[in-house]
Amino acid sequence: MTVPPDSLQHLIDRAEAFLDRLEAVLPHPPRAPDWNASIAFRYRKRGASGVIEPVRHVATIRLDALVEVSQQKERLLRNTEQFVAGHGANNVLLTGARGTGKSSLVKACLTEFAPRGLRLIEVDKTDLVDLPDIVDLVAERPERFIVFCDDLSFDEGEVGYKELKSILDGTVSQSSENVLIYATSNRRHLLPEKMSENLTYRHTEDGEVHPGEVVEEKISLSERFGLWLSFYPFSQDEYLAVVAQWLQHWGVPADAIAAARPVSLVWALERGSRSGRVAFQFAKDYAGRHHA
C-alpha cells in the first residue's frame, strides 16, 4: 500500500510539531550566561528548564559598613580569602537572629573579592536539586563561584532536603574546586525542632547522652557545612553603634547623630526588635528627614 505524497508530508509535519512541543516541556541543562555582564547571578526556573540570569543592579555593601559582627566577619573573610586564592575553604552556614547581618556579610565579601574573580549565583532552596547542573556549567570557568542560598530552611518532608545533603557531602563525584555554598538561616539545623524529640535521647549507664535517630537526621545536614557562623540579638549599645555607623555613612553630622539616640530606641521598641536591619531602616529614614 502506497501513501500519497501529500499524506506523507502531513504526517512528517505533525511529527515535527509534536517533537517541538515535547522539547519545550523537557528539562534542559542551564545555558551559560554572559559572565562579563555582572558579578552576581540568579538561577531561575523557566518552565522545566533553568536559566542563569545576570543581576543588573548588584547591592554593593562594604565590609567596613558592617559593625558589631567583627568575629563573624573575620572568619568569613578568612574563608573567602582562602577560596579565592585557590586554597582549602569550607561551605559556610550562617545562622542566628534575624536582621543581624548574615546576608549582608556575604554580599560584602562579594564586593571585596569581585575584582579578584569572585562571583555569586543565588539559588532558591526549591531549585537546589539542579545544583549539579550549575556546578558542571561553571566547573571549567577561571572565576570562583559562591552558590548563595538565603533564608534556607526546610519543613518536614519538603523537597530539596535530602538532595542538599548529597550535594554537600554524600555523592560519589567530588564537587568542583571553584564552587562553595554559603547559606543563611534562622534555624541552626535548618529543620523545625520539636519538644517530643527530646524523648528520643538515650542515657547510658556511664552518664553519656546520645541523640535519637530523628535528632541525628536533622543534625546531619548542618554538619555538612564545614564552617558555622552564629549571629546573636544586639544589645542596646550594639544597636546604637550600628545606628550611628549608618547615620555617619549617610553624612549626618555628629550632633544630629547624638540627638537620634532616643528616637532610634523608640523606633526599635515599636518594631519589637533591636537588630542591624531595624537600625539600618531607622537610619535611612532619619537621614532622609535630616537632609530634607
C-alpha atoms as a PDB file:
ATOM      1  CA  MET A   1       0.000   0.000   0.000  1.00  0.00           C
ATOM      2  CA  THR A   2       1.465   3.334  -1.018  1.00  0.00           C
ATOM      3  CA  VAL A   3       0.933   6.551   0.920  1.00  0.00           C
ATOM      4  CA  PRO A   4       0.121   9.606  -1.163  1.00  0.00           C
ATOM      5  CA  PRO A   5       2.977  12.165  -1.047  1.00  0.00           C
ATOM      6  CA  ASP A   6       0.743  14.855   0.422  1.00  0.00           C
ATOM      7  CA  SER A   7      -0.369  12.477   3.239  1.00  0.00           C
ATOM      8  CA  LEU A   8       3.261  11.545   3.984  1.00  0.00           C
ATOM      9  CA  GLN A   9       4.262  15.181   4.231  1.00  0.00           C
ATOM     10  CA  HIS A  10       1.306  15.817   6.529  1.00  0.00           C
ATOM     11  CA  LEU A  11       2.471  13.029   8.859  1.00  0.00           C
ATOM     12  CA  ILE A  12       6.026  14.425   8.859  1.00  0.00           C
ATOM     13  CA  ASP A  13       4.759  17.905   9.692  1.00  0.00           C
ATOM     14  CA  ARG A  14       2.661  16.588  12.568  1.00  0.00           C
ATOM     15  CA  ALA A  15       5.573  14.548  13.924  1.00  0.00           C
ATOM     16  CA  GLU A  16       7.876  17.578  13.818  1.00  0.00           C
ATOM     17  CA  ALA A  17       5.270  19.729  15.567  1.00  0.00           C
ATOM     18  CA  PHE A  18       4.873  17.081  18.264  1.00  0.00           C
ATOM     19  CA  LEU A  19       8.633  16.878  18.789  1.00  0.00           C
ATOM     20  CA  ASP A  20       8.842  20.661  19.068  1.00  0.00           C
ATOM     21  CA  ARG A  21       6.171  20.673  21.777  1.00  0.00           C
ATOM     22  CA  LEU A  22       7.833  17.763  23.571  1.00  0.00           C
ATOM     23  CA  GLU A  23      11.208  19.500  23.533  1.00  0.00           C
ATOM     24  CA  ALA A  24       9.646  22.617  25.041  1.00  0.00           C
ATOM     25  CA  VAL A  25       8.467  20.742  28.150  1.00  0.00           C
ATOM     26  CA  LEU A  26      11.520  18.529  28.645  1.00  0.00           C
ATOM     27  CA  PRO A  27      14.131  19.822  31.130  1.00  0.00           C
ATOM     28  CA  HIS A  28      17.358  21.202  29.718  1.00  0.00           C
ATOM     29  CA  PRO A  29      20.622  21.979  31.499  1.00  0.00           C
ATOM     30  CA  PRO A  30      21.110  25.701  32.105  1.00  0.00           C
ATOM     31  CA  ARG A  31      22.832  27.683  29.388  1.00  0.00           C
ATOM     32  CA  ALA A  32      25.859  29.780  30.160  1.00  0.00           C
ATOM     33  CA  PRO A  33      25.058  33.491  30.559  1.00  0.00           C
ATOM     34  CA  ASP A  34      27.359  36.353  29.660  1.00  0.00           C
ATOM     35  CA  TRP A  35      29.717  36.024  32.613  1.00  0.00           C
ATOM     36  CA  ASN A  36      31.043  39.534  31.987  1.00  0.00           C
ATOM     37  CA  ALA A  37      27.582  41.100  32.412  1.00  0.00           C
ATOM     38  CA  SER A  38      27.706  41.144  36.223  1.00  0.00           C
ATOM     39  CA  ILE A  39      29.443  39.854  39.335  1.00  0.00           C
ATOM     40  CA  ALA A  40      26.187  38.324  40.674  1.00  0.00           C
ATOM     41  CA  PHE A  41      23.700  35.990  39.021  1.00  0.00           C
ATOM     42  CA  ARG A  42      20.345  34.352  39.810  1.00  0.00           C
ATOM     43  CA  TYR A  43      19.251  30.859  38.902  1.00  0.00           C
ATOM     44  CA  ARG A  44      15.578  30.841  37.899  1.00  0.00           C
ATOM     45  CA  LYS A  45      13.285  28.167  36.548  1.00  0.00           C
ATOM     46  CA  ARG A  46      11.623  28.903  33.201  1.00  0.00           C
ATOM     47  CA  GLY A  47       9.170  26.089  32.660  1.00  0.00           C
ATOM     48  CA  ALA A  48      11.060  22.828  33.016  1.00  0.00           C
ATOM     49  CA  SER A  49      14.460  24.384  32.376  1.00  0.00           C
ATOM     50  CA  GLY A  50      16.726  26.617  34.417  1.00  0.00           C
ATOM     51  CA  VAL A  51      18.263  29.923  33.415  1.00  0.00           C
ATOM     52  CA  ILE A  52      21.186  31.778  34.999  1.00  0.00           C
ATOM     53  CA  GLU A  53      20.445  35.496  34.736  1.00  0.00           C
ATOM     54  CA  PRO A  54      22.920  38.319  35.465  1.00  0.00           C
ATOM     55  CA  VAL A  55      21.901  40.758  38.202  1.00  0.00           C
ATOM     56  CA  ARG A  56      21.953  44.208  36.627  1.00  0.00           C
ATOM     57  CA  HIS A  57      21.993  46.215  39.850  1.00  0.00           C
ATOM     58  CA  VAL A  58      24.070  44.423  42.490  1.00  0.00           C
ATOM     59  CA  ALA A  59      23.655  45.529  46.116  1.00  0.00           C
ATOM     60  CA  THR A  60      27.053  46.995  46.979  1.00  0.00           C
ATOM     61  CA  ILE A  61      27.911  46.585  50.668  1.00  0.00           C
ATOM     62  CA  ARG A  62      31.368  47.273  52.037  1.00  0.00           C
ATOM     63  CA  LEU A  63      32.844  45.279  54.900  1.00  0.00           C
ATOM     64  CA  ASP A  64      33.559  48.393  56.961  1.00  0.00           C
ATOM     65  CA  ALA A  65      29.849  49.246  56.867  1.00  0.00           C
ATOM     66  CA  LEU A  66      29.063  46.179  58.998  1.00  0.00           C
ATOM     67  CA  VAL A  67      29.793  46.665  62.702  1.00  0.00           C
ATOM     68  CA  GLU A  68      29.237  44.591  65.859  1.00  0.00           C
ATOM     69  CA  VAL A  69      29.860  41.364  63.923  1.00  0.00           C
ATOM     70  CA  SER A  70      33.656  41.547  63.910  1.00  0.00           C
ATOM     71  CA  GLN A  71      34.286  37.894  64.841  1.00  0.00           C
ATOM     72  CA  GLN A  72      31.905  36.533  62.213  1.00  0.00           C
ATOM     73  CA  LYS A  73      33.305  38.965  59.655  1.00  0.00           C
ATOM     74  CA  GLU A  74      36.893  37.904  60.320  1.00  0.00           C
ATOM     75  CA  ARG A  75      36.143  34.191  59.965  1.00  0.00           C
ATOM     76  CA  LEU A  76      34.069  34.538  56.788  1.00  0.00           C
ATOM     77  CA  LEU A  77      36.634  36.898  55.293  1.00  0.00           C
ATOM     78  CA  ARG A  78      39.433  34.413  56.001  1.00  0.00           C
ATOM     79  CA  ASN A  79      37.486  31.505  54.467  1.00  0.00           C
ATOM     80  CA  THR A  80      36.621  33.516  51.354  1.00  0.00           C
ATOM     81  CA  GLU A  81      40.210  34.743  51.019  1.00  0.00           C
ATOM     82  CA  GLN A  82      41.438  31.137  51.064  1.00  0.00           C
ATOM     83  CA  PHE A  83      38.835  30.151  48.482  1.00  0.00           C
ATOM     84  CA  VAL A  84      39.697  32.980  46.074  1.00  0.00           C
ATOM     85  CA  ALA A  85      43.403  32.213  46.450  1.00  0.00           C
ATOM     86  CA  GLY A  86      42.797  28.593  45.456  1.00  0.00           C
ATOM     87  CA  HIS A  87      43.471  27.128  48.897  1.00  0.00           C
ATOM     88  CA  GLY A  88      41.271  24.919  51.079  1.00  0.00           C
ATOM     89  CA  ALA A  89      37.981  26.504  52.158  1.00  0.00           C
ATOM     90  CA  ASN A  90      34.660  25.315  53.582  1.00  0.00           C
ATOM     91  CA  ASN A  91      30.999  25.605  52.761  1.00  0.00           C
ATOM     92  CA  VAL A  92      29.509  28.074  55.246  1.00  0.00           C
ATOM     93  CA  LEU A  93      26.255  28.135  57.235  1.00  0.00           C
ATOM     94  CA  LEU A  94      25.398  31.496  58.824  1.00  0.00           C
ATOM     95  CA  THR A  95      22.666  31.110  61.440  1.00  0.00           C
ATOM     96  CA  GLY A  96      21.017  33.099  64.183  1.00  0.00           C
ATOM     97  CA  ALA A  97      18.801  36.059  64.932  1.00  0.00           C
ATOM     98  CA  ARG A  98      17.029  37.797  62.082  1.00  0.00           C
ATOM     99  CA  GLY A  99      18.342  41.090  60.801  1.00  0.00           C
ATOM    100  CA  THR A 100      21.824  40.728  62.307  1.00  0.00           C
ATOM    101  CA  GLY A 101      23.765  40.949  59.034  1.00  0.00           C
ATOM    102  CA  LYS A 102      24.075  37.366  57.780  1.00  0.00           C
ATOM    103  CA  SER A 103      23.135  38.088  54.160  1.00  0.00           C
ATOM    104  CA  SER A 104      24.840  41.487  54.181  1.00  0.00           C
ATOM    105  CA  LEU A 105      28.118  39.883  55.213  1.00  0.00           C
ATOM    106  CA  VAL A 106      28.011  37.503  52.232  1.00  0.00           C
ATOM    107  CA  LYS A 107      27.265  40.411  49.879  1.00  0.00           C
ATOM    108  CA  ALA A 108      30.114  42.419  51.408  1.00  0.00           C
ATOM    109  CA  CYS A 109      32.519  39.556  50.724  1.00  0.00           C
ATOM    110  CA  LEU A 110      31.389  39.574  47.093  1.00  0.00           C
ATOM    111  CA  THR A 111      32.107  43.310  46.863  1.00  0.00           C
ATOM    112  CA  GLU A 112      35.521  42.779  48.449  1.00  0.00           C
ATOM    113  CA  PHE A 113      36.695  39.898  46.272  1.00  0.00           C
ATOM    114  CA  ALA A 114      34.900  40.500  42.957  1.00  0.00           C
ATOM    115  CA  PRO A 115      37.988  42.268  41.497  1.00  0.00           C
ATOM    116  CA  ARG A 116      39.905  39.039  42.132  1.00  0.00           C
ATOM    117  CA  GLY A 117      37.398  36.868  40.252  1.00  0.00           C
ATOM    118  CA  LEU A 118      34.774  36.001  42.857  1.00  0.00           C
ATOM    119  CA  ARG A 119      31.234  35.603  41.509  1.00  0.00           C
ATOM    120  CA  LEU A 120      27.934  34.781  43.244  1.00  0.00           C
ATOM    121  CA  ILE A 121      24.988  32.705  41.997  1.00  0.00           C
ATOM    122  CA  GLU A 122      21.821  32.983  44.086  1.00  0.00           C
ATOM    123  CA  VAL A 123      19.703  29.816  44.128  1.00  0.00           C
ATOM    124  CA  ASP A 124      16.328  29.294  45.821  1.00  0.00           C
ATOM    125  CA  LYS A 125      16.055  26.239  48.048  1.00  0.00           C
ATOM    126  CA  THR A 126      13.445  24.674  45.731  1.00  0.00           C
ATOM    127  CA  ASP A 127      15.998  24.752  42.908  1.00  0.00           C
ATOM    128  CA  LEU A 128      18.856  23.141  44.841  1.00  0.00           C
ATOM    129  CA  VAL A 129      18.125  19.848  43.096  1.00  0.00           C
ATOM    130  CA  ASP A 130      19.582  21.469  39.965  1.00  0.00           C
ATOM    131  CA  LEU A 131      22.863  22.350  41.677  1.00  0.00           C
ATOM    132  CA  PRO A 132      24.869  19.581  39.925  1.00  0.00           C
ATOM    133  CA  ASP A 133      23.977  21.128  36.558  1.00  0.00           C
ATOM    134  CA  ILE A 134      25.085  24.570  37.783  1.00  0.00           C
ATOM    135  CA  VAL A 135      28.358  23.158  39.122  1.00  0.00           C
ATOM    136  CA  ASP A 136      29.041  21.389  35.813  1.00  0.00           C
ATOM    137  CA  LEU A 137      28.355  24.616  33.917  1.00  0.00           C
ATOM    138  CA  VAL A 138      30.923  26.666  35.848  1.00  0.00           C
ATOM    139  CA  ALA A 139      33.491  23.929  36.519  1.00  0.00           C
ATOM    140  CA  GLU A 140      35.803  24.993  33.679  1.00  0.00           C
ATOM    141  CA  ARG A 141      35.490  28.734  34.329  1.00  0.00           C
ATOM    142  CA  PRO A 142      38.505  30.612  35.741  1.00  0.00           C
ATOM    143  CA  GLU A 143      36.326  32.506  38.259  1.00  0.00           C
ATOM    144  CA  ARG A 144      35.452  31.336  41.762  1.00  0.00           C
ATOM    145  CA  PHE A 145      31.727  30.924  42.453  1.00  0.00           C
ATOM    146  CA  ILE A 146      29.722  31.147  45.661  1.00  0.00           C
ATOM    147  CA  VAL A 147      26.317  29.486  45.391  1.00  0.00           C
ATOM    148  CA  PHE A 148      24.234  31.577  47.801  1.00  0.00           C
ATOM    149  CA  CYS A 149      21.062  30.228  49.456  1.00  0.00           C
ATOM    150  CA  ASP A 150      19.402  32.934  51.542  1.00  0.00           C
ATOM    151  CA  ASP A 151      16.984  32.142  54.374  1.00  0.00           C
ATOM    152  CA  LEU A 152      17.432  28.406  53.950  1.00  0.00           C
ATOM    153  CA  SER A 153      15.184  26.124  55.998  1.00  0.00           C
ATOM    154  CA  PHE A 154      13.069  23.067  55.388  1.00  0.00           C
ATOM    155  CA  ASP A 155       9.756  21.840  56.727  1.00  0.00           C
ATOM    156  CA  GLU A 156       9.175  18.160  57.352  1.00  0.00           C
ATOM    157  CA  GLY A 157       9.168  16.200  54.099  1.00  0.00           C
ATOM    158  CA  GLU A 158       9.932  19.241  51.945  1.00  0.00           C
ATOM    159  CA  VAL A 159      11.686  18.588  48.647  1.00  0.00           C
ATOM    160  CA  GLY A 160      15.333  19.574  48.448  1.00  0.00           C
ATOM    161  CA  TYR A 161      16.422  18.486  51.942  1.00  0.00           C
ATOM    162  CA  LYS A 162      17.952  15.135  51.070  1.00  0.00           C
ATOM    163  CA  GLU A 163      19.252  16.446  47.759  1.00  0.00           C
ATOM    164  CA  LEU A 164      21.180  19.196  49.542  1.00  0.00           C
ATOM    165  CA  LYS A 165      22.730  16.635  51.898  1.00  0.00           C
ATOM    166  CA  SER A 166      24.043  14.674  48.937  1.00  0.00           C
ATOM    167  CA  ILE A 167      25.268  17.789  47.151  1.00  0.00           C
ATOM    168  CA  LEU A 168      27.258  18.993  50.165  1.00  0.00           C
ATOM    169  CA  ASP A 169      28.956  15.731  51.055  1.00  0.00           C
ATOM    170  CA  GLY A 170      27.425  12.466  50.044  1.00  0.00           C
ATOM    171  CA  THR A 171      27.864  11.656  46.367  1.00  0.00           C
ATOM    172  CA  VAL A 172      30.478   9.641  44.526  1.00  0.00           C
ATOM    173  CA  SER A 173      31.542  12.664  42.468  1.00  0.00           C
ATOM    174  CA  GLN A 174      33.624  15.438  44.007  1.00  0.00           C
ATOM    175  CA  SER A 175      32.334  18.991  43.953  1.00  0.00           C
ATOM    176  CA  SER A 176      34.174  21.426  41.705  1.00  0.00           C
ATOM    177  CA  GLU A 177      37.075  23.231  43.379  1.00  0.00           C
ATOM    178  CA  ASN A 178      35.812  26.608  42.175  1.00  0.00           C
ATOM    179  CA  VAL A 179      32.387  26.357  43.888  1.00  0.00           C
ATOM    180  CA  LEU A 180      31.353  26.818  47.520  1.00  0.00           C
ATOM    181  CA  ILE A 181      27.905  27.000  49.117  1.00  0.00           C
ATOM    182  CA  TYR A 182      27.129  29.862  51.508  1.00  0.00           C
ATOM    183  CA  ALA A 183      23.720  29.622  53.200  1.00  0.00           C
ATOM    184  CA  THR A 184      21.898  31.738  55.784  1.00  0.00           C
ATOM    185  CA  SER A 185      19.166  30.504  58.092  1.00  0.00           C
ATOM    186  CA  ASN A 186      17.308  31.386  61.283  1.00  0.00           C
ATOM    187  CA  ARG A 187      17.465  27.681  62.218  1.00  0.00           C
ATOM    188  CA  ARG A 188      20.784  26.195  63.241  1.00  0.00           C
ATOM    189  CA  HIS A 189      19.875  22.743  61.951  1.00  0.00           C
ATOM    190  CA  LEU A 190      17.683  24.020  59.067  1.00  0.00           C
ATOM    191  CA  LEU A 191      14.684  21.957  60.211  1.00  0.00           C
ATOM    192  CA  PRO A 192      11.967  22.625  62.826  1.00  0.00           C
ATOM    193  CA  GLU A 193      12.765  21.148  66.234  1.00  0.00           C
ATOM    194  CA  LYS A 194      10.044  19.699  68.472  1.00  0.00           C
ATOM    195  CA  MET A 195       9.857  19.112  72.217  1.00  0.00           C
ATOM    196  CA  SER A 196       8.871  15.478  71.650  1.00  0.00           C
ATOM    197  CA  GLU A 197      12.248  14.805  70.046  1.00  0.00           C
ATOM    198  CA  ASN A 198      13.899  15.155  73.468  1.00  0.00           C
ATOM    199  CA  LEU A 199      12.268  11.841  74.386  1.00  0.00           C
ATOM    200  CA  THR A 200      14.362  10.063  71.744  1.00  0.00           C
ATOM    201  CA  TYR A 201      17.643  10.743  73.587  1.00  0.00           C
ATOM    202  CA  ARG A 202      19.266   7.672  75.175  1.00  0.00           C
ATOM    203  CA  HIS A 203      21.096   7.790  78.521  1.00  0.00           C
ATOM    204  CA  THR A 204      23.822   5.204  79.133  1.00  0.00           C
ATOM    205  CA  GLU A 205      24.972   3.839  82.480  1.00  0.00           C
ATOM    206  CA  ASP A 206      28.146   5.937  82.424  1.00  0.00           C
ATOM    207  CA  GLY A 207      26.100   9.142  82.107  1.00  0.00           C
ATOM    208  CA  GLU A 208      26.551   9.800  78.391  1.00  0.00           C
ATOM    209  CA  VAL A 209      23.654  11.201  76.354  1.00  0.00           C
ATOM    210  CA  HIS A 210      23.078  10.025  72.772  1.00  0.00           C
ATOM    211  CA  PRO A 211      20.566  11.672  70.440  1.00  0.00           C
ATOM    212  CA  GLY A 212      17.918   9.571  68.769  1.00  0.00           C
ATOM    213  CA  GLU A 213      17.634   8.886  65.056  1.00  0.00           C
ATOM    214  CA  VAL A 214      15.293  11.833  64.412  1.00  0.00           C
ATOM    215  CA  VAL A 215      17.694  14.285  66.010  1.00  0.00           C
ATOM    216  CA  GLU A 216      20.692  12.720  64.273  1.00  0.00           C
ATOM    217  CA  GLU A 217      18.954  13.109  60.915  1.00  0.00           C
ATOM    218  CA  LYS A 218      18.385  16.814  61.494  1.00  0.00           C
ATOM    219  CA  ILE A 219      21.904  17.463  62.724  1.00  0.00           C
ATOM    220  CA  SER A 220      23.456  15.588  59.804  1.00  0.00           C
ATOM    221  CA  LEU A 221      22.511  18.284  57.285  1.00  0.00           C
ATOM    222  CA  SER A 222      24.011  21.269  59.085  1.00  0.00           C
ATOM    223  CA  GLU A 223      27.120  19.234  59.969  1.00  0.00           C
ATOM    224  CA  ARG A 224      27.963  19.006  56.285  1.00  0.00           C
ATOM    225  CA  PHE A 225      28.765  22.718  56.295  1.00  0.00           C
ATOM    226  CA  GLY A 226      32.404  22.959  57.331  1.00  0.00           C
ATOM    227  CA  LEU A 227      32.106  26.415  58.888  1.00  0.00           C
ATOM    228  CA  TRP A 228      29.304  27.605  61.188  1.00  0.00           C
ATOM    229  CA  LEU A 229      28.906  31.292  61.991  1.00  0.00           C
ATOM    230  CA  SER A 230      26.390  32.217  64.694  1.00  0.00           C
ATOM    231  CA  PHE A 231      24.735  35.634  64.997  1.00  0.00           C
ATOM    232  CA  TYR A 232      23.041  36.894  68.161  1.00  0.00           C
ATOM    233  CA  PRO A 233      20.481  39.599  69.011  1.00  0.00           C
ATOM    234  CA  PHE A 234      22.022  43.024  69.551  1.00  0.00           C
ATOM    235  CA  SER A 235      22.257  44.642  72.942  1.00  0.00           C
ATOM    236  CA  GLN A 236      21.100  48.256  73.247  1.00  0.00           C
ATOM    237  CA  ASP A 237      24.661  49.564  72.973  1.00  0.00           C
ATOM    238  CA  GLU A 238      25.358  47.426  69.904  1.00  0.00           C
ATOM    239  CA  TYR A 239      22.131  48.601  68.292  1.00  0.00           C
ATOM    240  CA  LEU A 240      23.026  52.257  68.938  1.00  0.00           C
ATOM    241  CA  ALA A 241      26.509  51.692  67.497  1.00  0.00           C
ATOM    242  CA  VAL A 242      25.014  50.322  64.271  1.00  0.00           C
ATOM    243  CA  VAL A 243      22.583  53.266  64.080  1.00  0.00           C
ATOM    244  CA  ALA A 244      25.456  55.724  64.500  1.00  0.00           C
ATOM    245  CA  GLN A 245      27.545  53.970  61.875  1.00  0.00           C
ATOM    246  CA  TRP A 246      24.780  54.151  59.249  1.00  0.00           C
ATOM    247  CA  LEU A 247      23.954  57.778  60.062  1.00  0.00           C
ATOM    248  CA  GLN A 248      27.618  58.654  59.654  1.00  0.00           C
ATOM    249  CA  HIS A 249      27.643  56.730  56.369  1.00  0.00           C
ATOM    250  CA  TRP A 250      24.810  58.944  55.084  1.00  0.00           C
ATOM    251  CA  GLY A 251      26.517  62.150  56.093  1.00  0.00           C
ATOM    252  CA  VAL A 252      24.560  63.040  59.236  1.00  0.00           C
ATOM    253  CA  PRO A 253      26.655  65.348  61.498  1.00  0.00           C
ATOM    254  CA  ALA A 254      27.766  64.262  64.965  1.00  0.00           C
ATOM    255  CA  ASP A 255      25.326  66.474  66.897  1.00  0.00           C
ATOM    256  CA  ALA A 256      22.378  65.094  64.920  1.00  0.00           C
ATOM    257  CA  ILE A 257      23.629  61.519  65.495  1.00  0.00           C
ATOM    258  CA  ALA A 258      23.683  62.150  69.263  1.00  0.00           C
ATOM    259  CA  ALA A 259      20.151  63.576  69.103  1.00  0.00           C
ATOM    260  CA  ALA A 260      18.988  60.487  67.219  1.00  0.00           C
ATOM    261  CA  ARG A 261      19.797  58.049  70.041  1.00  0.00           C
ATOM    262  CA  PRO A 262      16.496  58.263  71.989  1.00  0.00           C
ATOM    263  CA  VAL A 263      14.490  58.428  68.774  1.00  0.00           C
ATOM    264  CA  SER A 264      16.188  55.278  67.485  1.00  0.00           C
ATOM    265  CA  LEU A 265      15.354  53.431  70.709  1.00  0.00           C
ATOM    266  CA  VAL A 266      11.677  54.321  70.325  1.00  0.00           C
ATOM    267  CA  TRP A 267      11.836  53.094  66.726  1.00  0.00           C
ATOM    268  CA  ALA A 268      13.263  49.755  67.895  1.00  0.00           C
ATOM    269  CA  LEU A 269      10.646  49.476  70.645  1.00  0.00           C
ATOM    270  CA  GLU A 270       7.860  49.987  68.118  1.00  0.00           C
ATOM    271  CA  ARG A 271       9.356  47.322  65.867  1.00  0.00           C
ATOM    272  CA  GLY A 272       9.909  44.906  68.741  1.00  0.00           C
ATOM    273  CA  SER A 273      13.495  44.258  67.711  1.00  0.00           C
ATOM    274  CA  ARG A 274      16.992  45.677  68.104  1.00  0.00           C
ATOM    275  CA  SER A 275      18.722  44.312  65.023  1.00  0.00           C
ATOM    276  CA  GLY A 276      21.026  45.562  62.313  1.00  0.00           C
ATOM    277  CA  ARG A 277      18.126  45.612  59.863  1.00  0.00           C
ATOM    278  CA  VAL A 278      15.995  47.777  62.171  1.00  0.00           C
ATOM    279  CA  ALA A 279      18.973  50.088  62.770  1.00  0.00           C
ATOM    280  CA  PHE A 280      19.515  50.421  59.018  1.00  0.00           C
ATOM    281  CA  GLN A 281      15.832  51.180  58.404  1.00  0.00           C
ATOM    282  CA  PHE A 282      15.763  53.821  61.143  1.00  0.00           C
ATOM    283  CA  ALA A 283      18.984  55.456  59.933  1.00  0.00           C
ATOM    284  CA  LYS A 284      17.708  55.572  56.368  1.00  0.00           C
ATOM    285  CA  ASP A 285      14.505  57.303  57.487  1.00  0.00           C
ATOM    286  CA  TYR A 286      16.267  59.672  59.898  1.00  0.00           C
ATOM    287  CA  ALA A 287      18.980  60.646  57.412  1.00  0.00           C
ATOM    288  CA  GLY A 288      16.372  61.303  54.746  1.00  0.00           C
ATOM    289  CA  ARG A 289      14.355  63.562  57.038  1.00  0.00           C
ATOM    290  CA  HIS A 290      17.505  65.327  58.280  1.00  0.00           C
ATOM    291  CA  HIS A 291      18.746  66.175  54.777  1.00  0.00           C
ATOM    292  CA  ALA A 292      15.251  67.128  53.656  1.00  0.00           C
END
